[in-house]
Amino acid sequence: MIDKTTIAAELATVTEHWTPRVIGQVNDQYVKVAKLLGEFVWHAHENEDELFWVISGRLRIQLEGHDEVVLEPGQFFVVPRGVRHNPIADEEVELVLIETVTTAHTGDVVVDRTVPIERQLPSG
C-alpha cells in the first residue's frame, strides 16, 4: 500500500518526548519524527551516521571534541558515526531523523529513556 503524508501530520501523532516514530523507510534508512524536550544522554553510534532535521524549535547538539551545533527550523546536521553527542532541547523541538535501520536509539548506552525499535515502528 502506498500512502502520502505530511511531516506536520506525523508530528501531531507524537505524544511522548524522546520517543521517535518511524514514518517511512528508504532502502536501509528509516525516516522518523520525534519531539524533544530537555537534555537526552551522551551516546554514540559506532557504525551509523545520524541526521537531525529541525522542523520547529531550536536544538543544541553537544559533540565530544567539537563545538556545539545549534539548529534552527529548516536546518539539519549529520552526526558522524562514532562521535559522542548529546541533544538538548531547551524548548520543545519537533524534528525528522534519518537513520540506518540498524541504529540503536541511544547507541552504545542503555538508559531508562532507550526506546527499542519495536516501539518506534508504526505497529509498535
C-alpha atoms as a PDB file:
ATOM      1  CA  MET A   1       0.000   0.000   0.000  1.00  0.00           C
ATOM      2  CA  ILE A   2       1.342   3.413  -0.940  1.00  0.00           C
ATOM      3  CA  ASP A   3       0.207   6.456   1.043  1.00  0.00           C
ATOM      4  CA  LYS A   4       1.258  10.062   1.216  1.00  0.00           C
ATOM      5  CA  THR A   5       1.527  12.093   4.394  1.00  0.00           C
ATOM      6  CA  THR A   6       2.960  15.317   5.777  1.00  0.00           C
ATOM      7  CA  ILE A   7       5.613  15.821   8.415  1.00  0.00           C
ATOM      8  CA  ALA A   8       3.175  18.035  10.360  1.00  0.00           C
ATOM      9  CA  ALA A   9       0.506  15.314  10.398  1.00  0.00           C
ATOM     10  CA  GLU A  10       3.006  12.722  11.559  1.00  0.00           C
ATOM     11  CA  LEU A  11       4.400  15.003  14.280  1.00  0.00           C
ATOM     12  CA  ALA A  12       0.852  15.639  15.513  1.00  0.00           C
ATOM     13  CA  THR A  13       0.617  11.952  16.467  1.00  0.00           C
ATOM     14  CA  VAL A  14       3.755  12.039  18.649  1.00  0.00           C
ATOM     15  CA  THR A  15       2.779  12.295  22.321  1.00  0.00           C
ATOM     16  CA  GLU A  16       5.984  11.387  24.191  1.00  0.00           C
ATOM     17  CA  HIS A  17       9.234  13.326  24.152  1.00  0.00           C
ATOM     18  CA  TRP A  18      12.366  11.432  23.083  1.00  0.00           C
ATOM     19  CA  THR A  19      10.291   8.633  21.548  1.00  0.00           C
ATOM     20  CA  PRO A  20      10.969   8.550  17.801  1.00  0.00           C
ATOM     21  CA  ARG A  21       8.330   7.132  15.472  1.00  0.00           C
ATOM     22  CA  VAL A  22       9.157   5.540  12.133  1.00  0.00           C
ATOM     23  CA  ILE A  23       7.075   7.136   9.366  1.00  0.00           C
ATOM     24  CA  GLY A  24       8.836   5.696   6.338  1.00  0.00           C
ATOM     25  CA  GLN A  25      11.725   3.692   5.004  1.00  0.00           C
ATOM     26  CA  VAL A  26      14.011   4.425   2.067  1.00  0.00           C
ATOM     27  CA  ASN A  27      16.119   1.347   1.338  1.00  0.00           C
ATOM     28  CA  ASP A  28      18.057   0.716   4.573  1.00  0.00           C
ATOM     29  CA  GLN A  29      17.213   4.111   6.119  1.00  0.00           C
ATOM     30  CA  TYR A  30      14.327   4.864   8.466  1.00  0.00           C
ATOM     31  CA  VAL A  31      12.631   8.262   8.330  1.00  0.00           C
ATOM     32  CA  LYS A  32      11.452   9.130  11.845  1.00  0.00           C
ATOM     33  CA  VAL A  33       9.714  12.017  13.587  1.00  0.00           C
ATOM     34  CA  ALA A  34      10.173  12.965  17.218  1.00  0.00           C
ATOM     35  CA  LYS A  35       9.513  15.658  19.774  1.00  0.00           C
ATOM     36  CA  LEU A  36      12.293  16.542  22.182  1.00  0.00           C
ATOM     37  CA  LEU A  37      12.355  18.496  25.429  1.00  0.00           C
ATOM     38  CA  GLY A  38      15.217  18.766  27.907  1.00  0.00           C
ATOM     39  CA  GLU A  39      18.556  17.013  27.810  1.00  0.00           C
ATOM     40  CA  PHE A  40      18.934  13.495  26.443  1.00  0.00           C
ATOM     41  CA  VAL A  41      22.006  11.333  27.093  1.00  0.00           C
ATOM     42  CA  TRP A  42      25.593  11.266  25.856  1.00  0.00           C
ATOM     43  CA  HIS A  43      25.949   8.411  23.365  1.00  0.00           C
ATOM     44  CA  ALA A  44      27.490   7.381  20.064  1.00  0.00           C
ATOM     45  CA  HIS A  45      26.529   5.214  17.122  1.00  0.00           C
ATOM     46  CA  GLU A  46      29.728   3.408  16.230  1.00  0.00           C
ATOM     47  CA  ASN A  47      28.654   2.260  12.760  1.00  0.00           C
ATOM     48  CA  GLU A  48      25.984   4.741  11.666  1.00  0.00           C
ATOM     49  CA  ASP A  49      25.673   8.437  10.860  1.00  0.00           C
ATOM     50  CA  GLU A  50      22.536  10.174  12.182  1.00  0.00           C
ATOM     51  CA  LEU A  51      20.696  13.093  10.561  1.00  0.00           C
ATOM     52  CA  PHE A  52      18.807  15.617  12.725  1.00  0.00           C
ATOM     53  CA  TRP A  53      16.485  17.947  10.723  1.00  0.00           C
ATOM     54  CA  VAL A  54      14.693  20.540  12.868  1.00  0.00           C
ATOM     55  CA  ILE A  55      11.104  21.342  11.898  1.00  0.00           C
ATOM     56  CA  SER A  56      10.285  23.624  14.847  1.00  0.00           C
ATOM     57  CA  GLY A  57      12.119  24.833  17.927  1.00  0.00           C
ATOM     58  CA  ARG A  58      15.854  25.133  18.496  1.00  0.00           C
ATOM     59  CA  LEU A  59      18.090  22.108  19.054  1.00  0.00           C
ATOM     60  CA  ARG A  60      21.557  22.122  20.547  1.00  0.00           C
ATOM     61  CA  ILE A  61      23.779  19.118  19.937  1.00  0.00           C
ATOM     62  CA  GLN A  62      26.826  18.811  22.147  1.00  0.00           C
ATOM     63  CA  LEU A  63      29.639  16.948  20.417  1.00  0.00           C
ATOM     64  CA  GLU A  64      32.600  15.409  22.201  1.00  0.00           C
ATOM     65  CA  GLY A  65      35.786  17.045  20.972  1.00  0.00           C
ATOM     66  CA  HIS A  66      33.929  19.525  18.728  1.00  0.00           C
ATOM     67  CA  ASP A  67      31.989  22.770  19.047  1.00  0.00           C
ATOM     68  CA  GLU A  68      28.308  22.527  19.923  1.00  0.00           C
ATOM     69  CA  VAL A  69      25.952  22.657  16.915  1.00  0.00           C
ATOM     70  CA  VAL A  70      22.792  24.767  17.133  1.00  0.00           C
ATOM     71  CA  LEU A  71      19.969  24.014  14.704  1.00  0.00           C
ATOM     72  CA  GLU A  72      17.059  26.320  13.899  1.00  0.00           C
ATOM     73  CA  PRO A  73      13.904  25.338  11.956  1.00  0.00           C
ATOM     74  CA  GLY A  74      14.743  24.114   8.478  1.00  0.00           C
ATOM     75  CA  GLN A  75      18.346  23.271   9.341  1.00  0.00           C
ATOM     76  CA  PHE A  76      19.848  19.807   9.562  1.00  0.00           C
ATOM     77  CA  PHE A  77      23.090  18.284  10.778  1.00  0.00           C
ATOM     78  CA  VAL A  78      24.613  14.852  10.347  1.00  0.00           C
ATOM     79  CA  VAL A  79      26.357  13.459  13.406  1.00  0.00           C
ATOM     80  CA  PRO A  80      29.169  11.316  12.005  1.00  0.00           C
ATOM     81  CA  ARG A  81      29.407   7.708  13.126  1.00  0.00           C
ATOM     82  CA  GLY A  82      31.422   7.209  16.281  1.00  0.00           C
ATOM     83  CA  VAL A  83      31.055  10.812  17.524  1.00  0.00           C
ATOM     84  CA  ARG A  84      29.663  11.020  21.056  1.00  0.00           C
ATOM     85  CA  HIS A  85      26.817  13.506  21.149  1.00  0.00           C
ATOM     86  CA  ASN A  86      24.094  14.788  23.447  1.00  0.00           C
ATOM     87  CA  PRO A  87      20.980  16.514  22.041  1.00  0.00           C
ATOM     88  CA  ILE A  88      19.449  19.271  24.187  1.00  0.00           C
ATOM     89  CA  ALA A  89      16.092  20.968  23.608  1.00  0.00           C
ATOM     90  CA  ASP A  90      15.659  23.971  25.906  1.00  0.00           C
ATOM     91  CA  GLU A  91      12.163  24.342  24.395  1.00  0.00           C
ATOM     92  CA  GLU A  92      10.116  21.709  22.601  1.00  0.00           C
ATOM     93  CA  VAL A  93      11.697  20.694  19.315  1.00  0.00           C
ATOM     94  CA  GLU A  94       9.983  18.835  16.506  1.00  0.00           C
ATOM     95  CA  LEU A  95      12.307  17.059  14.139  1.00  0.00           C
ATOM     96  CA  VAL A  96      12.900  14.464  11.497  1.00  0.00           C
ATOM     97  CA  LEU A  97      15.596  11.841  11.963  1.00  0.00           C
ATOM     98  CA  ILE A  98      17.097   9.793   9.185  1.00  0.00           C
ATOM     99  CA  GLU A  99      18.946   6.750  10.450  1.00  0.00           C
ATOM    100  CA  THR A 100      20.114   3.397   9.185  1.00  0.00           C
ATOM    101  CA  VAL A 101      17.704   0.645  10.268  1.00  0.00           C
ATOM    102  CA  THR A 102      20.464  -0.782  12.494  1.00  0.00           C
ATOM    103  CA  THR A 103      20.803   2.430  14.544  1.00  0.00           C
ATOM    104  CA  ALA A 104      20.066   1.823  18.231  1.00  0.00           C
ATOM    105  CA  HIS A 105      18.127   4.682  19.849  1.00  0.00           C
ATOM    106  CA  THR A 106      20.755   5.502  22.468  1.00  0.00           C
ATOM    107  CA  GLY A 107      23.653   3.940  20.629  1.00  0.00           C
ATOM    108  CA  ASP A 108      26.305   2.500  22.894  1.00  0.00           C
ATOM    109  CA  VAL A 109      24.387   3.094  26.158  1.00  0.00           C
ATOM    110  CA  VAL A 110      21.093   1.811  27.524  1.00  0.00           C
ATOM    111  CA  VAL A 111      19.145   4.055  29.881  1.00  0.00           C
ATOM    112  CA  ASP A 112      15.537   4.272  31.053  1.00  0.00           C
ATOM    113  CA  ARG A 113      14.761   6.527  28.055  1.00  0.00           C
ATOM    114  CA  THR A 114      16.030   3.992  25.497  1.00  0.00           C
ATOM    115  CA  VAL A 115      13.217   3.122  23.086  1.00  0.00           C
ATOM    116  CA  PRO A 116      13.612  -0.192  21.253  1.00  0.00           C
ATOM    117  CA  ILE A 117      12.909  -0.173  17.525  1.00  0.00           C
ATOM    118  CA  GLU A 118       9.795  -2.301  18.059  1.00  0.00           C
ATOM    119  CA  ARG A 119       8.179   0.645  19.890  1.00  0.00           C
ATOM    120  CA  GLN A 120       9.232   3.075  17.155  1.00  0.00           C
ATOM    121  CA  LEU A 121       7.600   1.145  14.313  1.00  0.00           C
ATOM    122  CA  PRO A 122       4.044   2.051  13.249  1.00  0.00           C
ATOM    123  CA  SER A 123       2.603  -1.157  14.707  1.00  0.00           C
ATOM    124  CA  GLY A 124       4.693  -0.783  17.918  1.00  0.00           C
END
